[in-house]
PDB file of N, CA and C in Angstrom:
ATOM      1  N   MET A   1     -92.051  78.934 161.981  1.00  0.00           N
ATOM      2  CA  MET A   1     -91.923  77.948 160.942  1.00  0.00           C
ATOM      3  C   MET A   1     -92.064  79.323 159.845  1.00  0.00           C
ATOM      4  N   ARG A   2     -92.277  80.450 159.842  1.00  0.00           N
ATOM      5  CA  ARG A   2     -92.168  81.705 158.648  1.00  0.00           C
ATOM      6  C   ARG A   2     -90.761  82.301 158.888  1.00  0.00           C
ATOM      7  N   ASN A   3     -89.841  82.070 159.864  1.00  0.00           N
ATOM      8  CA  ASN A   3     -88.569  81.889 159.013  1.00  0.00           C
ATOM      9  C   ASN A   3     -87.464  81.079 158.528  1.00  0.00           C
ATOM     10  N   VAL A   4     -88.046  79.718 158.573  1.00  0.00           N
ATOM     11  CA  VAL A   4     -87.545  78.769 157.896  1.00  0.00           C
ATOM     12  C   VAL A   4     -88.252  79.329 156.629  1.00  0.00           C
ATOM     13  N   LEU A   5     -89.204  79.238 156.636  1.00  0.00           N
ATOM     14  CA  LEU A   5     -89.600  79.554 154.658  1.00  0.00           C
ATOM     15  C   LEU A   5     -88.401  80.476 154.204  1.00  0.00           C
ATOM     16  N   TRP A   6     -88.099  81.765 154.662  1.00  0.00           N
ATOM     17  CA  TRP A   6     -87.725  83.155 154.585  1.00  0.00           C
ATOM     18  C   TRP A   6     -85.747  82.566 153.966  1.00  0.00           C
ATOM     19  N   THR A   7     -85.828  81.818 154.579  1.00  0.00           N
ATOM     20  CA  THR A   7     -84.426  81.064 155.473  1.00  0.00           C
ATOM     21  C   THR A   7     -84.273  80.361 153.860  1.00  0.00           C
ATOM     22  N   ILE A   8     -85.001  79.449 153.759  1.00  0.00           N
ATOM     23  CA  ILE A   8     -85.274  78.982 152.499  1.00  0.00           C
ATOM     24  C   ILE A   8     -85.118  79.686 150.977  1.00  0.00           C
ATOM     25  N   PHE A   9     -85.927  80.500 151.261  1.00  0.00           N
ATOM     26  CA  PHE A   9     -86.040  81.927 149.956  1.00  0.00           C
ATOM     27  C   PHE A   9     -85.290  81.851 149.520  1.00  0.00           C
ATOM     28  N   ALA A  10     -84.195  82.362 150.627  1.00  0.00           N
ATOM     29  CA  ALA A  10     -82.777  82.926 150.839  1.00  0.00           C
ATOM     30  C   ALA A  10     -81.905  82.061 150.159  1.00  0.00           C
ATOM     31  N   ILE A  11     -81.760  81.424 150.750  1.00  0.00           N
ATOM     32  CA  ILE A  11     -80.679  80.281 149.842  1.00  0.00           C
ATOM     33  C   ILE A  11     -81.079  79.675 148.564  1.00  0.00           C
ATOM     34  N   VAL A  12     -81.828  79.840 148.590  1.00  0.00           N
ATOM     35  CA  VAL A  12     -82.565  79.005 146.831  1.00  0.00           C
ATOM     36  C   VAL A  12     -82.169  80.602 145.925  1.00  0.00           C
ATOM     37  N   GLY A  13     -82.222  81.438 146.086  1.00  0.00           N
ATOM     38  CA  GLY A  13     -81.922  82.417 145.097  1.00  0.00           C
ATOM     39  C   GLY A  13     -80.675  82.760 146.077  1.00  0.00           C
ATOM     40  N   GLY A  14     -80.171  82.939 146.495  1.00  0.00           N
ATOM     41  CA  GLY A  14     -78.658  83.070 146.463  1.00  0.00           C
ATOM     42  C   GLY A  14     -77.811  82.093 145.518  1.00  0.00           C
ATOM     43  N   ILE A  15     -78.281  80.788 145.454  1.00  0.00           N
ATOM     44  CA  ILE A  15     -77.464  79.844 144.719  1.00  0.00           C
ATOM     45  C   ILE A  15     -78.303  80.452 143.266  1.00  0.00           C
ATOM     46  N   MET A  16     -79.573  80.800 143.103  1.00  0.00           N
ATOM     47  CA  MET A  16     -80.322  80.677 141.672  1.00  0.00           C
ATOM     48  C   MET A  16     -79.432  81.964 141.107  1.00  0.00           C
ATOM     49  N   GLY A  17     -78.828  82.881 141.844  1.00  0.00           N
ATOM     50  CA  GLY A  17     -78.382  84.496 141.848  1.00  0.00           C
ATOM     51  C   GLY A  17     -77.104  84.077 140.862  1.00  0.00           C
ATOM     52  N   PHE A  18     -76.752  83.152 141.723  1.00  0.00           N
ATOM     53  CA  PHE A  18     -74.901  83.021 141.686  1.00  0.00           C
ATOM     54  C   PHE A  18     -75.525  82.036 140.763  1.00  0.00           C
ATOM     55  N   LEU A  19     -75.249  81.389 140.371  1.00  0.00           N
ATOM     56  CA  LEU A  19     -75.808  80.303 139.144  1.00  0.00           C
ATOM     57  C   LEU A  19     -75.540  81.429 137.716  1.00  0.00           C
ATOM     58  N   MET A  20     -76.856  82.068 137.633  1.00  0.00           N
ATOM     59  CA  MET A  20     -77.398  83.129 136.529  1.00  0.00           C
ATOM     60  C   MET A  20     -76.512  83.801 136.469  1.00  0.00           C
ATOM     61  N   GLY A  21     -75.636  84.709 137.396  1.00  0.00           N
ATOM     62  CA  GLY A  21     -74.368  85.674 137.301  1.00  0.00           C
ATOM     63  C   GLY A  21     -72.869  84.924 136.237  1.00  0.00           C
ATOM     64  N   TYR A  22     -73.350  83.797 136.379  1.00  0.00           N
ATOM     65  CA  TYR A  22     -72.585  82.000 135.977  1.00  0.00           C
ATOM     66  C   TYR A  22     -73.109  82.554 134.282  1.00  0.00           C
ATOM     67  N   ALA A  23     -74.291  82.445 133.687  1.00  0.00           N
ATOM     68  CA  ALA A  23     -74.501  81.710 133.264  1.00  0.00           C
ATOM     69  C   ALA A  23     -75.083  83.111 131.818  1.00  0.00           C
ATOM     70  N   THR A  24     -74.669  83.992 132.424  1.00  0.00           N
ATOM     71  CA  THR A  24     -75.113  85.455 131.212  1.00  0.00           C
ATOM     72  C   THR A  24     -73.684  85.639 130.777  1.00  0.00           C
ATOM     73  N   ALA A  25     -72.325  85.966 131.758  1.00  0.00           N
ATOM     74  CA  ALA A  25     -71.194  86.619 131.588  1.00  0.00           C
ATOM     75  C   ALA A  25     -71.258  86.164 130.436  1.00  0.00           C
ATOM     76  N   PRO A  26     -70.780  84.675 129.912  1.00  0.00           N
ATOM     77  CA  PRO A  26     -70.765  84.159 128.818  1.00  0.00           C
ATOM     78  C   PRO A  26     -71.482  84.746 127.318  1.00  0.00           C
ATOM     79  N   MET A  27     -73.269  84.664 127.747  1.00  0.00           N
ATOM     80  CA  MET A  27     -74.212  85.254 126.380  1.00  0.00           C
ATOM     81  C   MET A  27     -73.610  86.537 126.096  1.00  0.00           C
ATOM     82  N   ILE A  28     -73.304  87.727 127.604  1.00  0.00           N
ATOM     83  CA  ILE A  28     -73.304  89.080 126.728  1.00  0.00           C
ATOM     84  C   ILE A  28     -71.595  88.943 126.279  1.00  0.00           C
ATOM     85  N   GLU A  29     -70.518  88.158 126.702  1.00  0.00           N
ATOM     86  CA  GLU A  29     -69.447  88.651 125.542  1.00  0.00           C
ATOM     87  C   GLU A  29     -69.613  87.791 124.536  1.00  0.00           C
ATOM     88  N   SER A  30     -70.320  86.976 124.143  1.00  0.00           N
ATOM     89  CA  SER A  30     -71.293  86.282 123.128  1.00  0.00           C
ATOM     90  C   SER A  30     -71.990  86.664 121.611  1.00  0.00           C
ATOM     91  N   GLY A  31     -72.131  87.638 122.785  1.00  0.00           N
ATOM     92  CA  GLY A  31     -73.250  88.681 121.371  1.00  0.00           C
ATOM     93  C   GLY A  31     -74.946  88.021 121.772  1.00  0.00           C
ATOM     94  N   VAL A  32     -74.764  86.959 122.485  1.00  0.00           N
ATOM     95  CA  VAL A  32     -76.371  86.139 122.471  1.00  0.00           C
ATOM     96  C   VAL A  32     -77.385  86.878 123.016  1.00  0.00           C
ATOM     97  N   LEU A  33     -76.921  87.907 123.973  1.00  0.00           N
ATOM     98  CA  LEU A  33     -78.076  88.619 124.588  1.00  0.00           C
ATOM     99  C   LEU A  33     -78.135  90.251 123.957  1.00  0.00           C
ATOM    100  N   THR A  34     -76.965  90.675 123.302  1.00  0.00           N
ATOM    101  CA  THR A  34     -77.040  91.473 123.055  1.00  0.00           C
ATOM    102  C   THR A  34     -77.690  92.078 121.597  1.00  0.00           C
ATOM    103  N   GLY A  35     -77.526  90.932 120.692  1.00  0.00           N
ATOM    104  CA  GLY A  35     -77.658  90.919 119.154  1.00  0.00           C
ATOM    105  C   GLY A  35     -76.712  91.439 118.398  1.00  0.00           C
ATOM    106  N   GLN A  36     -75.435  91.806 119.056  1.00  0.00           N
ATOM    107  CA  GLN A  36     -74.419  91.958 117.729  1.00  0.00           C
ATOM    108  C   GLN A  36     -73.502  90.966 117.747  1.00  0.00           C
ATOM    109  N   GLY A  37     -73.464  89.750 118.247  1.00  0.00           N
ATOM    110  CA  GLY A  37     -73.450  88.742 117.401  1.00  0.00           C
ATOM    111  C   GLY A  37     -73.607  87.997 117.173  1.00  0.00           C
ATOM    112  N   ALA A  38     -74.508  88.019 116.659  1.00  0.00           N
ATOM    113  CA  ALA A  38     -75.972  87.192 116.305  1.00  0.00           C
ATOM    114  C   ALA A  38     -75.647  87.028 114.636  1.00  0.00           C
ATOM    115  N   LYS A  39     -75.566  85.965 113.711  1.00  0.00           N
ATOM    116  CA  LYS A  39     -74.984  85.899 112.253  1.00  0.00           C
ATOM    117  C   LYS A  39     -76.441  84.584 112.142  1.00  0.00           C
ATOM    118  N   ARG A  40     -76.489  84.672 110.850  1.00  0.00           N
ATOM    119  CA  ARG A  40     -77.425  84.005 110.314  1.00  0.00           C
ATOM    120  C   ARG A  40     -77.090  82.763 109.965  1.00  0.00           C
ATOM    121  N   ALA A  41     -78.122  81.708 110.462  1.00  0.00           N
ATOM    122  CA  ALA A  41     -77.413  80.097 110.527  1.00  0.00           C
ATOM    123  C   ALA A  41     -76.654  79.706 108.877  1.00  0.00           C
ATOM    124  N   THR A  42     -75.268  79.269 108.968  1.00  0.00           N
ATOM    125  CA  THR A  42     -75.222  78.751 107.346  1.00  0.00           C
ATOM    126  C   THR A  42     -76.697  77.576 106.838  1.00  0.00           C
ATOM    127  N   LYS A  43     -76.179  77.818 105.745  1.00  0.00           N
ATOM    128  CA  LYS A  43     -77.701  77.073 104.862  1.00  0.00           C
ATOM    129  C   LYS A  43     -76.386  75.640 104.295  1.00  0.00           C
ATOM    130  N   ILE A  44     -77.330  75.202 104.936  1.00  0.00           N
ATOM    131  CA  ILE A  44     -76.445  73.536 104.122  1.00  0.00           C
ATOM    132  C   ILE A  44     -77.047  72.774 103.019  1.00  0.00           C
ATOM    133  N   GLU A  45     -76.760  72.753 101.935  1.00  0.00           N
ATOM    134  CA  GLU A  45     -76.632  72.388 100.804  1.00  0.00           C
ATOM    135  C   GLU A  45     -76.832  70.661 100.617  1.00  0.00           C
ATOM    136  N   ALA A  46     -78.182  69.867 100.173  1.00  0.00           N
ATOM    137  CA  ALA A  46     -77.761  68.798  99.928  1.00  0.00           C
ATOM    138  C   ALA A  46     -77.997  68.304  98.647  1.00  0.00           C
ATOM    139  N   GLY A  47     -77.443  67.949  98.455  1.00  0.00           N
ATOM    140  CA  GLY A  47     -77.304  66.673  97.075  1.00  0.00           C
ATOM    141  C   GLY A  47     -78.711  65.605  96.717  1.00  0.00           C
ATOM    142  N   LYS A  48     -79.432  65.861  95.393  1.00  0.00           N
ATOM    143  CA  LYS A  48     -80.149  65.213  95.245  1.00  0.00           C
ATOM    144  C   LYS A  48     -80.100  63.218  95.378  1.00  0.00           C
ATOM    145  N   GLU A  49     -79.613  63.446  95.809  1.00  0.00           N
ATOM    146  CA  GLU A  49     -78.798  61.652  95.695  1.00  0.00           C
ATOM    147  C   GLU A  49     -78.996  61.741  97.856  1.00  0.00           C
ATOM    148  N   LEU A  50     -78.718  62.758  98.126  1.00  0.00           N
ATOM    149  CA  LEU A  50     -78.498  62.581  99.597  1.00  0.00           C
ATOM    150  C   LEU A  50     -79.888  62.733 100.076  1.00  0.00           C
ATOM    151  N   GLU A  51     -80.596  63.566  99.327  1.00  0.00           N
ATOM    152  CA  GLU A  51     -82.192  63.612  99.695  1.00  0.00           C
ATOM    153  C   GLU A  51     -82.690  63.189  99.147  1.00  0.00           C
ATOM    154  N   GLN A  52     -82.726  61.728  98.561  1.00  0.00           N
ATOM    155  CA  GLN A  52     -83.315  60.354  97.680  1.00  0.00           C
ATOM    156  C   GLN A  52     -83.194  59.678  99.116  1.00  0.00           C
ATOM    157  N   PHE A  53     -81.675  59.174  99.426  1.00  0.00           N
ATOM    158  CA  PHE A  53     -81.354  58.618 100.181  1.00  0.00           C
ATOM    159  C   PHE A  53     -81.991  59.201 102.033  1.00  0.00           C
ATOM    160  N   TYR A  54     -82.849  60.123 102.427  1.00  0.00           N
ATOM    161  CA  TYR A  54     -83.019  60.028 103.394  1.00  0.00           C
ATOM    162  C   TYR A  54     -84.961  59.675 102.818  1.00  0.00           C
ATOM    163  N   LYS A  55     -85.527  59.914 101.354  1.00  0.00           N
ATOM    164  CA  LYS A  55     -86.291  59.530 102.035  1.00  0.00           C
ATOM    165  C   LYS A  55     -86.638  58.189 101.362  1.00  0.00           C
ATOM    166  N   ASP A  56     -86.012  57.430 101.023  1.00  0.00           N
ATOM    167  CA  ASP A  56     -85.863  55.757 101.035  1.00  0.00           C
ATOM    168  C   ASP A  56     -85.702  55.267 102.447  1.00  0.00           C
ATOM    169  N   LEU A  57     -85.447  55.539 102.934  1.00  0.00           N
ATOM    170  CA  LEU A  57     -85.424  55.873 104.582  1.00  0.00           C
ATOM    171  C   LEU A  57     -86.585  55.549 105.393  1.00  0.00           C
ATOM    172  N   TYR A  58     -87.393  56.566 104.885  1.00  0.00           N
ATOM    173  CA  TYR A  58     -88.865  56.362 105.777  1.00  0.00           C
ATOM    174  C   TYR A  58     -89.972  55.171 104.380  1.00  0.00           C
ATOM    175  N   LYS A  59     -88.892  54.916 103.582  1.00  0.00           N
ATOM    176  CA  LYS A  59     -90.603  53.195 102.687  1.00  0.00           C
ATOM    177  C   LYS A  59     -89.377  53.202 103.221  1.00  0.00           C
ATOM    178  N   GLU A  60     -88.488  52.265 103.755  1.00  0.00           N
ATOM    179  CA  GLU A  60     -88.193  50.929 104.642  1.00  0.00           C
ATOM    180  C   GLU A  60     -88.825  50.659 106.066  1.00  0.00           C
ATOM    181  N   ARG A  61     -89.140  51.712 106.390  1.00  0.00           N
ATOM    182  CA  ARG A  61     -90.092  50.856 107.446  1.00  0.00           C
ATOM    183  C   ARG A  61     -91.662  51.041 107.219  1.00  0.00           C
TER     184      ARG A  61
END
């Protein structure tokens, strides 16, 4: 029973390690993990008419 449990842990750990290897490579290249590629979020400026439109959506309910 104990050997079966360690075998399951080894298989699951191997699969998770394999998947994490694929997940972290693009993050490092894009600068997410290193902080070098971080940019400020673009600010979206909405006009008064658009803001009023969304406020009116709540009133209709």
